[in-house]
Amino acid sequence: MTITNRLNSALKRLAVALDQLEAAAERRSKMAEQRSDIEEEFAVLQDDRARLAVELDGAVARSQSLELANNEVARRLAKAREAIEEMMSHVVM
């Protein structure tokens, strides 16, 4: 093999290696971009989860408050019914 042939062969191998390196760099760049997108989406989901947790805590607190108010109203209605029944028992019919 002559020097020219060897040089041409080496240049071809170098060109192939550079093409492969460029392709690998592009793949890595795309993967890094996808990872960044995934990390951003994950952060948004975490923010949503935190917001929903706060809203859920508020809803549970309101529910408990309404339950207490409902129990108080039921107690007062029962007391009023008893008072009315007692008054009715004293009324002559």
N, C-alpha and C. Protein backbone atom coordinates (compact mmCIF):
# COMPACT_ATOMS: atom_id res chain seq x y z
N MET A 1 0.84 -1.17 0.00
CA MET A 1 0.00 0.00 0.00
C MET A 1 0.89 1.24 0.00
N THR A 2 0.55 2.15 -0.87
CA THR A 2 1.36 3.36 -0.96
C THR A 2 0.96 4.33 0.15
N ILE A 3 1.78 5.29 0.32
CA ILE A 3 1.52 6.32 1.34
C ILE A 3 0.23 7.05 1.01
N THR A 4 -0.02 7.32 -0.25
CA THR A 4 -1.23 8.02 -0.65
C THR A 4 -2.45 7.19 -0.30
N ASN A 5 -2.38 5.90 -0.60
CA ASN A 5 -3.50 5.01 -0.27
C ASN A 5 -3.73 4.94 1.23
N ARG A 6 -2.63 4.82 1.97
CA ARG A 6 -2.76 4.76 3.43
C ARG A 6 -3.32 6.07 3.98
N LEU A 7 -2.86 7.17 3.41
CA LEU A 7 -3.35 8.48 3.85
C LEU A 7 -4.84 8.63 3.52
N ASN A 8 -5.24 8.25 2.33
CA ASN A 8 -6.65 8.30 1.96
C ASN A 8 -7.50 7.40 2.86
N SER A 9 -6.99 6.23 3.14
CA SER A 9 -7.71 5.30 4.03
C SER A 9 -7.84 5.90 5.42
N ALA A 10 -6.78 6.49 5.93
CA ALA A 10 -6.81 7.11 7.26
C ALA A 10 -7.78 8.29 7.27
N LEU A 11 -7.80 9.08 6.21
CA LEU A 11 -8.72 10.21 6.12
C LEU A 11 -10.17 9.74 6.09
N LYS A 12 -10.44 8.65 5.39
CA LYS A 12 -11.79 8.08 5.35
C LYS A 12 -12.22 7.61 6.74
N ARG A 13 -11.30 6.92 7.42
CA ARG A 13 -11.62 6.46 8.77
C ARG A 13 -11.85 7.65 9.71
N LEU A 14 -11.07 8.70 9.54
CA LEU A 14 -11.23 9.91 10.36
C LEU A 14 -12.59 10.56 10.07
N ALA A 15 -12.97 10.62 8.81
CA ALA A 15 -14.25 11.21 8.44
C ALA A 15 -15.39 10.41 9.04
N VAL A 16 -15.30 9.08 8.98
CA VAL A 16 -16.33 8.23 9.56
C VAL A 16 -16.39 8.43 11.07
N ALA A 17 -15.23 8.49 11.70
CA ALA A 17 -15.19 8.70 13.15
C ALA A 17 -15.77 10.05 13.52
N LEU A 18 -15.49 11.08 12.75
CA LEU A 18 -16.04 12.41 13.03
C LEU A 18 -17.56 12.42 12.84
N ASP A 19 -18.05 11.74 11.81
CA ASP A 19 -19.50 11.63 11.61
C ASP A 19 -20.16 10.93 12.78
N GLN A 20 -19.53 9.87 13.24
CA GLN A 20 -20.08 9.14 14.39
C GLN A 20 -20.06 10.00 15.65
N LEU A 21 -18.99 10.76 15.83
CA LEU A 21 -18.88 11.65 16.97
C LEU A 21 -19.96 12.73 16.91
N GLU A 22 -20.18 13.29 15.74
CA GLU A 22 -21.21 14.32 15.58
C GLU A 22 -22.59 13.74 15.86
N ALA A 23 -22.87 12.54 15.36
CA ALA A 23 -24.16 11.89 15.61
C ALA A 23 -24.35 11.64 17.10
N ALA A 24 -23.30 11.18 17.77
CA ALA A 24 -23.38 10.92 19.21
C ALA A 24 -23.62 12.22 19.97
N ALA A 25 -22.97 13.30 19.55
CA ALA A 25 -23.16 14.59 20.21
C ALA A 25 -24.60 15.08 20.04
N GLU A 26 -25.17 14.88 18.85
CA GLU A 26 -26.56 15.27 18.61
C GLU A 26 -27.52 14.45 19.47
N ARG A 27 -27.26 13.14 19.57
CA ARG A 27 -28.11 12.29 20.41
C ARG A 27 -28.03 12.73 21.86
N ARG A 28 -26.84 13.01 22.32
CA ARG A 28 -26.66 13.45 23.71
C ARG A 28 -27.37 14.77 23.95
N SER A 29 -27.28 15.68 23.01
CA SER A 29 -27.95 16.97 23.14
C SER A 29 -29.46 16.79 23.21
N LYS A 30 -30.01 15.92 22.36
CA LYS A 30 -31.46 15.66 22.39
C LYS A 30 -31.87 15.03 23.71
N MET A 31 -31.06 14.10 24.19
CA MET A 31 -31.37 13.45 25.47
C MET A 31 -31.33 14.45 26.61
N ALA A 32 -30.36 15.36 26.58
CA ALA A 32 -30.27 16.38 27.63
C ALA A 32 -31.49 17.30 27.58
N GLU A 33 -31.93 17.63 26.37
CA GLU A 33 -33.11 18.48 26.22
C GLU A 33 -34.36 17.76 26.74
N GLN A 34 -34.49 16.48 26.41
CA GLN A 34 -35.63 15.70 26.89
C GLN A 34 -35.60 15.60 28.41
N ARG A 35 -34.41 15.38 28.95
CA ARG A 35 -34.29 15.29 30.42
C ARG A 35 -34.71 16.60 31.06
N SER A 36 -34.30 17.70 30.46
CA SER A 36 -34.67 19.01 30.99
C SER A 36 -36.19 19.19 30.95
N ASP A 37 -36.80 18.77 29.84
CA ASP A 37 -38.26 18.86 29.72
C ASP A 37 -38.94 18.01 30.79
N ILE A 38 -38.42 16.81 31.01
CA ILE A 38 -39.00 15.90 32.00
C ILE A 38 -38.85 16.50 33.41
N GLU A 39 -37.68 17.05 33.69
CA GLU A 39 -37.46 17.65 35.01
C GLU A 39 -38.39 18.84 35.22
N GLU A 40 -38.60 19.63 34.17
CA GLU A 40 -39.51 20.77 34.29
C GLU A 40 -40.94 20.29 34.52
N GLU A 41 -41.34 19.27 33.78
CA GLU A 41 -42.69 18.72 33.95
C GLU A 41 -42.86 18.14 35.36
N PHE A 42 -41.83 17.47 35.86
CA PHE A 42 -41.87 16.91 37.21
C PHE A 42 -42.03 18.02 38.24
N ALA A 43 -41.32 19.13 38.05
CA ALA A 43 -41.43 20.26 38.98
C ALA A 43 -42.85 20.83 38.96
N VAL A 44 -43.44 20.92 37.77
CA VAL A 44 -44.81 21.42 37.66
C VAL A 44 -45.76 20.47 38.39
N LEU A 45 -45.55 19.17 38.22
CA LEU A 45 -46.40 18.19 38.91
C LEU A 45 -46.25 18.28 40.42
N GLN A 46 -45.04 18.51 40.88
CA GLN A 46 -44.82 18.66 42.32
C GLN A 46 -45.55 19.90 42.84
N ASP A 47 -45.47 21.00 42.09
CA ASP A 47 -46.19 22.22 42.48
C ASP A 47 -47.69 21.97 42.53
N ASP A 48 -48.21 21.28 41.51
CA ASP A 48 -49.64 20.96 41.49
C ASP A 48 -50.02 20.09 42.68
N ARG A 49 -49.18 19.12 42.99
CA ARG A 49 -49.45 18.23 44.12
C ARG A 49 -49.50 19.02 45.42
N ALA A 50 -48.55 19.92 45.60
CA ALA A 50 -48.52 20.74 46.82
C ALA A 50 -49.77 21.61 46.91
N ARG A 51 -50.15 22.23 45.78
CA ARG A 51 -51.35 23.08 45.76
C ARG A 51 -52.59 22.26 46.07
N LEU A 52 -52.69 21.08 45.46
CA LEU A 52 -53.85 20.22 45.70
C LEU A 52 -53.90 19.74 47.16
N ALA A 53 -52.73 19.49 47.74
CA ALA A 53 -52.70 19.06 49.14
C ALA A 53 -53.23 20.17 50.05
N VAL A 54 -52.85 21.41 49.76
CA VAL A 54 -53.34 22.55 50.54
C VAL A 54 -54.85 22.69 50.37
N GLU A 55 -55.32 22.56 49.11
CA GLU A 55 -56.76 22.65 48.86
C GLU A 55 -57.52 21.52 49.57
N LEU A 56 -56.95 20.33 49.55
CA LEU A 56 -57.58 19.20 50.22
C LEU A 56 -57.65 19.44 51.73
N ASP A 57 -56.58 19.94 52.31
CA ASP A 57 -56.60 20.25 53.74
C ASP A 57 -57.70 21.26 54.06
N GLY A 58 -57.84 22.28 53.20
CA GLY A 58 -58.88 23.28 53.40
C GLY A 58 -60.27 22.67 53.28
N ALA A 59 -60.44 21.79 52.29
CA ALA A 59 -61.75 21.14 52.09
C ALA A 59 -62.09 20.25 53.28
N VAL A 60 -61.11 19.54 53.80
CA VAL A 60 -61.35 18.68 54.96
C VAL A 60 -61.72 19.52 56.17
N ALA A 61 -61.02 20.63 56.36
CA ALA A 61 -61.34 21.52 57.48
C ALA A 61 -62.75 22.09 57.34
N ARG A 62 -63.13 22.51 56.13
CA ARG A 62 -64.50 23.03 55.91
C ARG A 62 -65.52 21.93 56.16
N SER A 63 -65.22 20.72 55.72
CA SER A 63 -66.14 19.60 55.92
C SER A 63 -66.34 19.33 57.41
N GLN A 64 -65.27 19.35 58.16
CA GLN A 64 -65.38 19.13 59.60
C GLN A 64 -66.17 20.25 60.26
N SER A 65 -65.94 21.48 59.81
CA SER A 65 -66.68 22.62 60.35
C SER A 65 -68.16 22.49 60.03
N LEU A 66 -68.49 22.10 58.81
CA LEU A 66 -69.90 21.92 58.43
C LEU A 66 -70.54 20.78 59.22
N GLU A 67 -69.78 19.74 59.47
CA GLU A 67 -70.30 18.62 60.26
C GLU A 67 -70.61 19.08 61.68
N LEU A 68 -69.73 19.86 62.26
CA LEU A 68 -69.97 20.39 63.61
C LEU A 68 -71.20 21.30 63.62
N ALA A 69 -71.31 22.16 62.60
CA ALA A 69 -72.47 23.05 62.51
C ALA A 69 -73.74 22.23 62.33
N ASN A 70 -73.69 21.20 61.51
CA ASN A 70 -74.84 20.33 61.29
C ASN A 70 -75.27 19.65 62.59
N ASN A 71 -74.30 19.16 63.34
CA ASN A 71 -74.60 18.53 64.63
C ASN A 71 -75.24 19.53 65.59
N GLU A 72 -74.75 20.76 65.59
CA GLU A 72 -75.31 21.80 66.47
C GLU A 72 -76.74 22.13 66.06
N VAL A 73 -76.99 22.24 64.76
CA VAL A 73 -78.35 22.52 64.28
C VAL A 73 -79.27 21.37 64.64
N ALA A 74 -78.81 20.14 64.46
CA ALA A 74 -79.63 18.97 64.82
C ALA A 74 -79.96 18.98 66.30
N ARG A 75 -78.96 19.33 67.13
CA ARG A 75 -79.19 19.39 68.58
C ARG A 75 -80.22 20.46 68.91
N ARG A 76 -80.10 21.62 68.30
CA ARG A 76 -81.05 22.72 68.57
C ARG A 76 -82.46 22.37 68.08
N LEU A 77 -82.55 21.73 66.92
CA LEU A 77 -83.86 21.33 66.41
C LEU A 77 -84.52 20.30 67.33
N ALA A 78 -83.72 19.36 67.83
CA ALA A 78 -84.27 18.37 68.76
C ALA A 78 -84.76 19.05 70.03
N LYS A 79 -83.99 20.01 70.52
CA LYS A 79 -84.39 20.74 71.72
C LYS A 79 -85.66 21.54 71.46
N ALA A 80 -85.77 22.18 70.30
CA ALA A 80 -86.97 22.94 69.95
C ALA A 80 -88.17 22.00 69.83
N ARG A 81 -87.97 20.84 69.21
CA ARG A 81 -89.06 19.88 69.07
C ARG A 81 -89.55 19.42 70.44
N GLU A 82 -88.61 19.16 71.34
CA GLU A 82 -88.98 18.75 72.69
C GLU A 82 -89.76 19.85 73.39
N ALA A 83 -89.33 21.10 73.21
CA ALA A 83 -90.03 22.22 73.84
C ALA A 83 -91.44 22.36 73.27
N ILE A 84 -91.57 22.19 71.96
CA ILE A 84 -92.89 22.28 71.33
C ILE A 84 -93.78 21.14 71.79
N GLU A 85 -93.23 19.94 71.86
CA GLU A 85 -94.02 18.79 72.33
C GLU A 85 -94.48 19.00 73.76
N GLU A 86 -93.61 19.58 74.59
CA GLU A 86 -93.99 19.83 75.98
C GLU A 86 -95.09 20.88 76.05
N MET A 87 -94.96 21.93 75.23
CA MET A 87 -96.00 22.96 75.21
C MET A 87 -97.32 22.38 74.71
N MET A 88 -97.24 21.51 73.71
CA MET A 88 -98.45 20.90 73.16
C MET A 88 -99.12 19.97 74.17
N SER A 89 -98.32 19.35 75.02
CA SER A 89 -98.90 18.45 76.02
C SER A 89 -99.68 19.22 77.08
N HIS A 90 -99.36 20.52 77.26
CA HIS A 90 -100.06 21.34 78.24
C HIS A 90 -101.27 22.04 77.64
N VAL A 91 -101.36 22.05 76.34
CA VAL A 91 -102.49 22.70 75.69
C VAL A 91 -103.68 21.75 75.70
N VAL A 92 -104.79 22.25 76.10
CA VAL A 92 -105.99 21.44 76.16
C VAL A 92 -106.60 21.40 74.77
N MET A 93 -106.89 20.24 74.33
CA MET A 93 -107.52 20.10 73.02
C MET A 93 -108.93 19.70 73.17
